[in-house]
Amino acid sequence: MSSTPDPAAPALAWVKSTYSGGEGGQCIEWAPEAAEIHTVVPVRDSKHPQGPVLVFPVGAFAAFVGAVRRGHFDAS
């Protein structure tokens, strides 16, 4: 995982997560085209688009999303 975006990288098309609520809180965005081209998934806070970007290997991000879909992180 990296938290520093490459300043020489071209601009990415960011997509808001479908798991983000519409009320303006706890929203993340990811850049799917980076996953297709570079085999990494950049993720950022949609409320702070100029802030840090976390970059995950595609496999790790896919495992995380799968766990979320299965409810592994739901509050009890």
PDB file of N, CA and C in Angstrom:
ATOM      1  N   MET A   1       0.856  -1.168   0.000  1.00  0.00           N
ATOM      2  CA  MET A   1       0.000   0.000   0.000  1.00  0.00           C
ATOM      3  C   MET A   1       0.895   1.222   0.000  1.00  0.00           C
ATOM      4  N   SER A   2       0.496   2.228  -0.718  1.00  0.00           N
ATOM      5  CA  SER A   2       1.218   3.495  -0.779  1.00  0.00           C
ATOM      6  C   SER A   2       0.247   4.609  -0.473  1.00  0.00           C
ATOM      7  N   SER A   3       0.726   5.712   0.073  1.00  0.00           N
ATOM      8  CA  SER A   3      -0.158   6.847   0.332  1.00  0.00           C
ATOM      9  C   SER A   3       0.274   8.090  -0.436  1.00  0.00           C
ATOM     10  N   THR A   4       1.219   7.958  -1.329  1.00  0.00           N
ATOM     11  CA  THR A   4       1.694   9.103  -2.089  1.00  0.00           C
ATOM     12  C   THR A   4       1.401   8.905  -3.572  1.00  0.00           C
ATOM     13  N   PRO A   5       0.510   9.731  -4.146  1.00  0.00           N
ATOM     14  CA  PRO A   5       0.239   9.596  -5.573  1.00  0.00           C
ATOM     15  C   PRO A   5       1.438  10.050  -6.391  1.00  0.00           C
ATOM     16  N   ASP A   6       1.556   9.525  -7.576  1.00  0.00           N
ATOM     17  CA  ASP A   6       2.632   9.901  -8.481  1.00  0.00           C
ATOM     18  C   ASP A   6       2.253  11.231  -9.139  1.00  0.00           C
ATOM     19  N   PRO A   7       2.987  12.327  -8.850  1.00  0.00           N
ATOM     20  CA  PRO A   7       2.603  13.618  -9.416  1.00  0.00           C
ATOM     21  C   PRO A   7       2.718  13.663 -10.936  1.00  0.00           C
ATOM     22  N   ALA A   8       3.473  12.746 -11.527  1.00  0.00           N
ATOM     23  CA  ALA A   8       3.616  12.716 -12.977  1.00  0.00           C
ATOM     24  C   ALA A   8       2.508  11.908 -13.647  1.00  0.00           C
ATOM     25  N   ALA A   9       1.696  11.239 -12.866  1.00  0.00           N
ATOM     26  CA  ALA A   9       0.630  10.398 -13.423  1.00  0.00           C
ATOM     27  C   ALA A   9      -0.465  11.272 -14.035  1.00  0.00           C
ATOM     28  N   PRO A  10      -1.087  10.797 -15.103  1.00  0.00           N
ATOM     29  CA  PRO A  10      -2.189  11.566 -15.695  1.00  0.00           C
ATOM     30  C   PRO A  10      -3.380  11.597 -14.742  1.00  0.00           C
ATOM     31  N   ALA A  11      -4.254  12.558 -14.927  1.00  0.00           N
ATOM     32  CA  ALA A  11      -5.449  12.669 -14.092  1.00  0.00           C
ATOM     33  C   ALA A  11      -6.286  11.401 -14.203  1.00  0.00           C
ATOM     34  N   LEU A  12      -6.836  10.978 -13.087  1.00  0.00           N
ATOM     35  CA  LEU A  12      -7.661   9.773 -13.052  1.00  0.00           C
ATOM     36  C   LEU A  12      -9.137  10.144 -13.017  1.00  0.00           C
ATOM     37  N   ALA A  13      -9.962   9.275 -13.547  1.00  0.00           N
ATOM     38  CA  ALA A  13     -11.411   9.427 -13.451  1.00  0.00           C
ATOM     39  C   ALA A  13     -11.844   8.752 -12.159  1.00  0.00           C
ATOM     40  N   TRP A  14     -12.335   9.525 -11.209  1.00  0.00           N
ATOM     41  CA  TRP A  14     -12.722   9.009  -9.896  1.00  0.00           C
ATOM     42  C   TRP A  14     -14.207   8.674  -9.872  1.00  0.00           C
ATOM     43  N   VAL A  15     -14.556   7.586  -9.177  1.00  0.00           N
ATOM     44  CA  VAL A  15     -15.935   7.111  -9.061  1.00  0.00           C
ATOM     45  C   VAL A  15     -16.247   6.955  -7.577  1.00  0.00           C
ATOM     46  N   LYS A  16     -17.404   7.483  -7.161  1.00  0.00           N
ATOM     47  CA  LYS A  16     -17.799   7.341  -5.759  1.00  0.00           C
ATOM     48  C   LYS A  16     -18.258   5.913  -5.510  1.00  0.00           C
ATOM     49  N   SER A  17     -17.856   5.364  -4.387  1.00  0.00           N
ATOM     50  CA  SER A  17     -18.251   4.012  -4.022  1.00  0.00           C
ATOM     51  C   SER A  17     -19.762   3.905  -3.914  1.00  0.00           C
ATOM     52  N   THR A  18     -20.315   2.794  -4.388  1.00  0.00           N
ATOM     53  CA  THR A  18     -21.756   2.571  -4.259  1.00  0.00           C
ATOM     54  C   THR A  18     -22.144   2.319  -2.800  1.00  0.00           C
ATOM     55  N   TYR A  19     -21.169   2.041  -1.945  1.00  0.00           N
ATOM     56  CA  TYR A  19     -21.432   1.841  -0.524  1.00  0.00           C
ATOM     57  C   TYR A  19     -21.457   3.158   0.234  1.00  0.00           C
ATOM     58  N   SER A  20     -21.080   4.262  -0.395  1.00  0.00           N
ATOM     59  CA  SER A  20     -21.120   5.565   0.246  1.00  0.00           C
ATOM     60  C   SER A  20     -22.555   6.046   0.283  1.00  0.00           C
ATOM     61  N   GLY A  21     -22.945   6.587   1.408  1.00  0.00           N
ATOM     62  CA  GLY A  21     -24.307   7.082   1.548  1.00  0.00           C
ATOM     63  C   GLY A  21     -24.491   8.406   0.832  1.00  0.00           C
ATOM     64  N   GLY A  22     -25.719   8.783   0.589  1.00  0.00           N
ATOM     65  CA  GLY A  22     -26.026  10.021  -0.092  1.00  0.00           C
ATOM     66  C   GLY A  22     -26.101  11.225   0.822  1.00  0.00           C
ATOM     67  N   GLU A  23     -25.867  11.034   2.136  1.00  0.00           N
ATOM     68  CA  GLU A  23     -26.000  12.146   3.058  1.00  0.00           C
ATOM     69  C   GLU A  23     -24.716  12.940   3.243  1.00  0.00           C
ATOM     70  N   GLY A  24     -23.681  12.644   2.500  1.00  0.00           N
ATOM     71  CA  GLY A  24     -22.464  13.439   2.540  1.00  0.00           C
ATOM     72  C   GLY A  24     -21.396  12.958   3.502  1.00  0.00           C
ATOM     73  N   GLY A  25     -21.606  11.877   4.204  1.00  0.00           N
ATOM     74  CA  GLY A  25     -20.608  11.394   5.151  1.00  0.00           C
ATOM     75  C   GLY A  25     -19.984  10.090   4.710  1.00  0.00           C
ATOM     76  N   GLN A  26     -18.787   9.821   5.179  1.00  0.00           N
ATOM     77  CA  GLN A  26     -18.070   8.568   4.948  1.00  0.00           C
ATOM     78  C   GLN A  26     -18.063   8.139   3.485  1.00  0.00           C
ATOM     79  N   CYS A  27     -17.655   9.030   2.612  1.00  0.00           N
ATOM     80  CA  CYS A  27     -17.624   8.719   1.184  1.00  0.00           C
ATOM     81  C   CYS A  27     -16.201   8.476   0.705  1.00  0.00           C
ATOM     82  N   ILE A  28     -16.029   7.425  -0.048  1.00  0.00           N
ATOM     83  CA  ILE A  28     -14.743   7.186  -0.684  1.00  0.00           C
ATOM     84  C   ILE A  28     -14.943   7.145  -2.190  1.00  0.00           C
ATOM     85  N   GLU A  29     -13.857   7.423  -2.885  1.00  0.00           N
ATOM     86  CA  GLU A  29     -13.841   7.320  -4.338  1.00  0.00           C
ATOM     87  C   GLU A  29     -12.680   6.409  -4.727  1.00  0.00           C
ATOM     88  N   TRP A  30     -12.821   5.771  -5.874  1.00  0.00           N
ATOM     89  CA  TRP A  30     -11.740   4.941  -6.391  1.00  0.00           C
ATOM     90  C   TRP A  30     -11.609   5.198  -7.879  1.00  0.00           C
ATOM     91  N   ALA A  31     -10.470   4.833  -8.428  1.00  0.00           N
ATOM     92  CA  ALA A  31     -10.201   5.077  -9.844  1.00  0.00           C
ATOM     93  C   ALA A  31     -10.083   3.738 -10.572  1.00  0.00           C
ATOM     94  N   PRO A  32     -11.200   3.234 -11.132  1.00  0.00           N
ATOM     95  CA  PRO A  32     -11.201   1.911 -11.748  1.00  0.00           C
ATOM     96  C   PRO A  32     -10.250   1.761 -12.931  1.00  0.00           C
ATOM     97  N   GLU A  33     -10.019   2.814 -13.695  1.00  0.00           N
ATOM     98  CA  GLU A  33      -9.135   2.661 -14.855  1.00  0.00           C
ATOM     99  C   GLU A  33      -7.701   2.373 -14.433  1.00  0.00           C
ATOM    100  N   ALA A  34      -7.292   2.834 -13.265  1.00  0.00           N
ATOM    101  CA  ALA A  34      -5.948   2.532 -12.774  1.00  0.00           C
ATOM    102  C   ALA A  34      -5.822   1.038 -12.496  1.00  0.00           C
ATOM    103  N   ALA A  35      -6.897   0.427 -12.023  1.00  0.00           N
ATOM    104  CA  ALA A  35      -6.876  -1.015 -11.763  1.00  0.00           C
ATOM    105  C   ALA A  35      -6.695  -1.787 -13.058  1.00  0.00           C
ATOM    106  N   GLU A  36      -7.316  -1.312 -14.128  1.00  0.00           N
ATOM    107  CA  GLU A  36      -7.217  -1.984 -15.424  1.00  0.00           C
ATOM    108  C   GLU A  36      -5.837  -1.806 -16.053  1.00  0.00           C
ATOM    109  N   ILE A  37      -5.245  -0.638 -15.865  1.00  0.00           N
ATOM    110  CA  ILE A  37      -3.978  -0.312 -16.522  1.00  0.00           C
ATOM    111  C   ILE A  37      -2.768  -0.691 -15.668  1.00  0.00           C
ATOM    112  N   HIS A  38      -2.818  -0.346 -14.384  1.00  0.00           N
ATOM    113  CA  HIS A  38      -1.632  -0.453 -13.532  1.00  0.00           C
ATOM    114  C   HIS A  38      -1.712  -1.549 -12.475  1.00  0.00           C
ATOM    115  N   THR A  39      -2.798  -2.283 -12.412  1.00  0.00           N
ATOM    116  CA  THR A  39      -3.029  -3.343 -11.423  1.00  0.00           C
ATOM    117  C   THR A  39      -2.953  -2.839  -9.987  1.00  0.00           C
ATOM    118  N   VAL A  40      -3.316  -1.572  -9.788  1.00  0.00           N
ATOM    119  CA  VAL A  40      -3.470  -1.026  -8.443  1.00  0.00           C
ATOM    120  C   VAL A  40      -4.799  -0.286  -8.387  1.00  0.00           C
ATOM    121  N   VAL A  41      -5.317  -0.113  -7.167  1.00  0.00           N
ATOM    122  CA  VAL A  41      -6.577   0.598  -6.980  1.00  0.00           C
ATOM    123  C   VAL A  41      -6.327   1.811  -6.086  1.00  0.00           C
ATOM    124  N   PRO A  42      -6.346   3.015  -6.657  1.00  0.00           N
ATOM    125  CA  PRO A  42      -6.232   4.220  -5.839  1.00  0.00           C
ATOM    126  C   PRO A  42      -7.573   4.513  -5.156  1.00  0.00           C
ATOM    127  N   VAL A  43      -7.517   4.921  -3.890  1.00  0.00           N
ATOM    128  CA  VAL A  43      -8.708   5.228  -3.100  1.00  0.00           C
ATOM    129  C   VAL A  43      -8.459   6.553  -2.385  1.00  0.00           C
ATOM    130  N   ARG A  44      -9.485   7.405  -2.341  1.00  0.00           N
ATOM    131  CA  ARG A  44      -9.351   8.684  -1.634  1.00  0.00           C
ATOM    132  C   ARG A  44     -10.666   9.049  -0.962  1.00  0.00           C
ATOM    133  N   ASP A  45     -10.597  10.022  -0.056  1.00  0.00           N
ATOM    134  CA  ASP A  45     -11.769  10.562   0.633  1.00  0.00           C
ATOM    135  C   ASP A  45     -12.418  11.578  -0.297  1.00  0.00           C
ATOM    136  N   SER A  46     -13.686  11.386  -0.641  1.00  0.00           N
ATOM    137  CA  SER A  46     -14.348  12.280  -1.594  1.00  0.00           C
ATOM    138  C   SER A  46     -14.505  13.694  -1.051  1.00  0.00           C
ATOM    139  N   LYS A  47     -14.479  13.862   0.263  1.00  0.00           N
ATOM    140  CA  LYS A  47     -14.598  15.188   0.847  1.00  0.00           C
ATOM    141  C   LYS A  47     -13.280  15.954   0.792  1.00  0.00           C
ATOM    142  N   HIS A  48     -12.171  15.255   0.543  1.00  0.00           N
ATOM    143  CA  HIS A  48     -10.839  15.864   0.479  1.00  0.00           C
ATOM    144  C   HIS A  48     -10.103  15.344  -0.757  1.00  0.00           C
ATOM    145  N   PRO A  49     -10.573  15.682  -1.954  1.00  0.00           N
ATOM    146  CA  PRO A  49      -9.978  15.114  -3.172  1.00  0.00           C
ATOM    147  C   PRO A  49      -8.516  15.490  -3.384  1.00  0.00           C
ATOM    148  N   GLN A  50      -8.049  16.559  -2.769  1.00  0.00           N
ATOM    149  CA  GLN A  50      -6.643  16.935  -2.897  1.00  0.00           C
ATOM    150  C   GLN A  50      -5.783  16.304  -1.804  1.00  0.00           C
ATOM    151  N   GLY A  51      -6.419  15.551  -0.915  1.00  0.00           N
ATOM    152  CA  GLY A  51      -5.703  14.903   0.183  1.00  0.00           C
ATOM    153  C   GLY A  51      -4.976  13.653  -0.283  1.00  0.00           C
ATOM    154  N   PRO A  52      -4.520  12.846   0.671  1.00  0.00           N
ATOM    155  CA  PRO A  52      -3.754  11.648   0.320  1.00  0.00           C
ATOM    156  C   PRO A  52      -4.585  10.623  -0.442  1.00  0.00           C
ATOM    157  N   VAL A  53      -3.899   9.844  -1.244  1.00  0.00           N
ATOM    158  CA  VAL A  53      -4.493   8.744  -2.007  1.00  0.00           C
ATOM    159  C   VAL A  53      -3.829   7.467  -1.527  1.00  0.00           C
ATOM    160  N   LEU A  54      -4.639   6.496  -1.114  1.00  0.00           N
ATOM    161  CA  LEU A  54      -4.108   5.184  -0.760  1.00  0.00           C
ATOM    162  C   LEU A  54      -4.153   4.311  -1.999  1.00  0.00           C
ATOM    163  N   VAL A  55      -3.108   3.533  -2.218  1.00  0.00           N
ATOM    164  CA  VAL A  55      -3.021   2.698  -3.414  1.00  0.00           C
ATOM    165  C   VAL A  55      -2.851   1.246  -2.971  1.00  0.00           C
ATOM    166  N   PHE A  56      -3.779   0.386  -3.387  1.00  0.00           N
ATOM    167  CA  PHE A  56      -3.788  -1.018  -2.989  1.00  0.00           C
ATOM    168  C   PHE A  56      -3.586  -1.919  -4.199  1.00  0.00           C
ATOM    169  N   PRO A  57      -2.926  -3.054  -4.026  1.00  0.00           N
ATOM    170  CA  PRO A  57      -2.895  -4.049  -5.107  1.00  0.00           C
ATOM    171  C   PRO A  57      -4.324  -4.509  -5.417  1.00  0.00           C
ATOM    172  N   VAL A  58      -4.602  -4.790  -6.674  1.00  0.00           N
ATOM    173  CA  VAL A  58      -5.952  -5.180  -7.084  1.00  0.00           C
ATOM    174  C   VAL A  58      -6.484  -6.356  -6.268  1.00  0.00           C
ATOM    175  N   GLY A  59      -5.664  -7.381  -6.063  1.00  0.00           N
ATOM    176  CA  GLY A  59      -6.123  -8.560  -5.317  1.00  0.00           C
ATOM    177  C   GLY A  59      -6.514  -8.242  -3.891  1.00  0.00           C
ATOM    178  N   ALA A  60      -5.741  -7.391  -3.230  1.00  0.00           N
ATOM    179  CA  ALA A  60      -6.054  -7.008  -1.849  1.00  0.00           C
ATOM    180  C   ALA A  60      -7.345  -6.203  -1.788  1.00  0.00           C
ATOM    181  N   PHE A  61      -7.530  -5.296  -2.750  1.00  0.00           N
ATOM    182  CA  PHE A  61      -8.742  -4.491  -2.766  1.00  0.00           C
ATOM    183  C   PHE A  61      -9.963  -5.367  -3.059  1.00  0.00           C
ATOM    184  N   ALA A  62      -9.828  -6.306  -3.982  1.00  0.00           N
ATOM    185  CA  ALA A  62     -10.929  -7.223  -4.308  1.00  0.00           C
ATOM    186  C   ALA A  62     -11.309  -8.069  -3.089  1.00  0.00           C
ATOM    187  N   ALA A  63     -10.324  -8.514  -2.339  1.00  0.00           N
ATOM    188  CA  ALA A  63     -10.606  -9.298  -1.125  1.00  0.00           C
ATOM    189  C   ALA A  63     -11.342  -8.441  -0.096  1.00  0.00           C
ATOM    190  N   PHE A  64     -10.935  -7.187   0.048  1.00  0.00           N
ATOM    191  CA  PHE A  64     -11.604  -6.273   0.973  1.00  0.00           C
ATOM    192  C   PHE A  64     -13.060  -6.046   0.566  1.00  0.00           C
ATOM    193  N   VAL A  65     -13.297  -5.746  -0.718  1.00  0.00           N
ATOM    194  CA  VAL A  65     -14.663  -5.514  -1.199  1.00  0.00           C
ATOM    195  C   VAL A  65     -15.520  -6.766  -1.004  1.00  0.00           C
ATOM    196  N   GLY A  66     -14.950  -7.936  -1.258  1.00  0.00           N
ATOM    197  CA  GLY A  66     -15.680  -9.181  -1.038  1.00  0.00           C
ATOM    198  C   GLY A  66     -16.088  -9.356   0.415  1.00  0.00           C
ATOM    199  N   ALA A  67     -15.191  -9.018   1.327  1.00  0.00           N
ATOM    200  CA  ALA A  67     -15.491  -9.114   2.754  1.00  0.00           C
ATOM    201  C   ALA A  67     -16.600  -8.135   3.148  1.00  0.00           C
ATOM    202  N   VAL A  68     -16.563  -6.935   2.582  1.00  0.00           N
ATOM    203  CA  VAL A  68     -17.623  -5.943   2.856  1.00  0.00           C
ATOM    204  C   VAL A  68     -18.961  -6.497   2.359  1.00  0.00           C
ATOM    205  N   ARG A  69     -18.982  -7.036   1.160  1.00  0.00           N
ATOM    206  CA  ARG A  69     -20.232  -7.581   0.593  1.00  0.00           C
ATOM    207  C   ARG A  69     -20.785  -8.729   1.420  1.00  0.00           C
ATOM    208  N   ARG A  70     -19.905  -9.510   2.035  1.00  0.00           N
ATOM    209  CA  ARG A  70     -20.343 -10.630   2.876  1.00  0.00           C
ATOM    210  C   ARG A  70     -20.716 -10.207   4.288  1.00  0.00           C
ATOM    211  N   GLY A  71     -20.573  -8.908   4.591  1.00  0.00           N
ATOM    212  CA  GLY A  71     -20.979  -8.395   5.895  1.00  0.00           C
ATOM    213  C   GLY A  71     -19.962  -8.556   6.997  1.00  0.00           C
ATOM    214  N   HIS A  72     -18.708  -8.833   6.671  1.00  0.00           N
ATOM    215  CA  HIS A  72     -17.693  -9.055   7.684  1.00  0.00           C
ATOM    216  C   HIS A  72     -17.416  -7.836   8.563  1.00  0.00           C
ATOM    217  N   PHE A  73     -17.760  -6.646   8.099  1.00  0.00           N
ATOM    218  CA  PHE A  73     -17.482  -5.432   8.860  1.00  0.00           C
ATOM    219  C   PHE A  73     -18.735  -4.746   9.380  1.00  0.00           C
ATOM    220  N   ASP A  74     -19.876  -5.431   9.270  1.00  0.00           N
ATOM    221  CA  ASP A  74     -21.136  -4.838   9.759  1.00  0.00           C
ATOM    222  C   ASP A  74     -21.090  -4.720  11.272  1.00  0.00           C
ATOM    223  N   ALA A  75     -21.651  -3.620  11.778  1.00  0.00           N
ATOM    224  CA  ALA A  75     -21.731  -3.425  13.228  1.00  0.00           C
ATOM    225  C   ALA A  75     -22.715  -4.431  13.820  1.00  0.00           C
ATOM    226  N   SER A  76     -22.368  -4.944  14.951  1.00  0.00           N
ATOM    227  CA  SER A  76     -23.248  -5.946  15.601  1.00  0.00           C
ATOM    228  C   SER A  76     -24.293  -5.293  16.451  1.00  0.00           C
TER     229      SER A  76
END
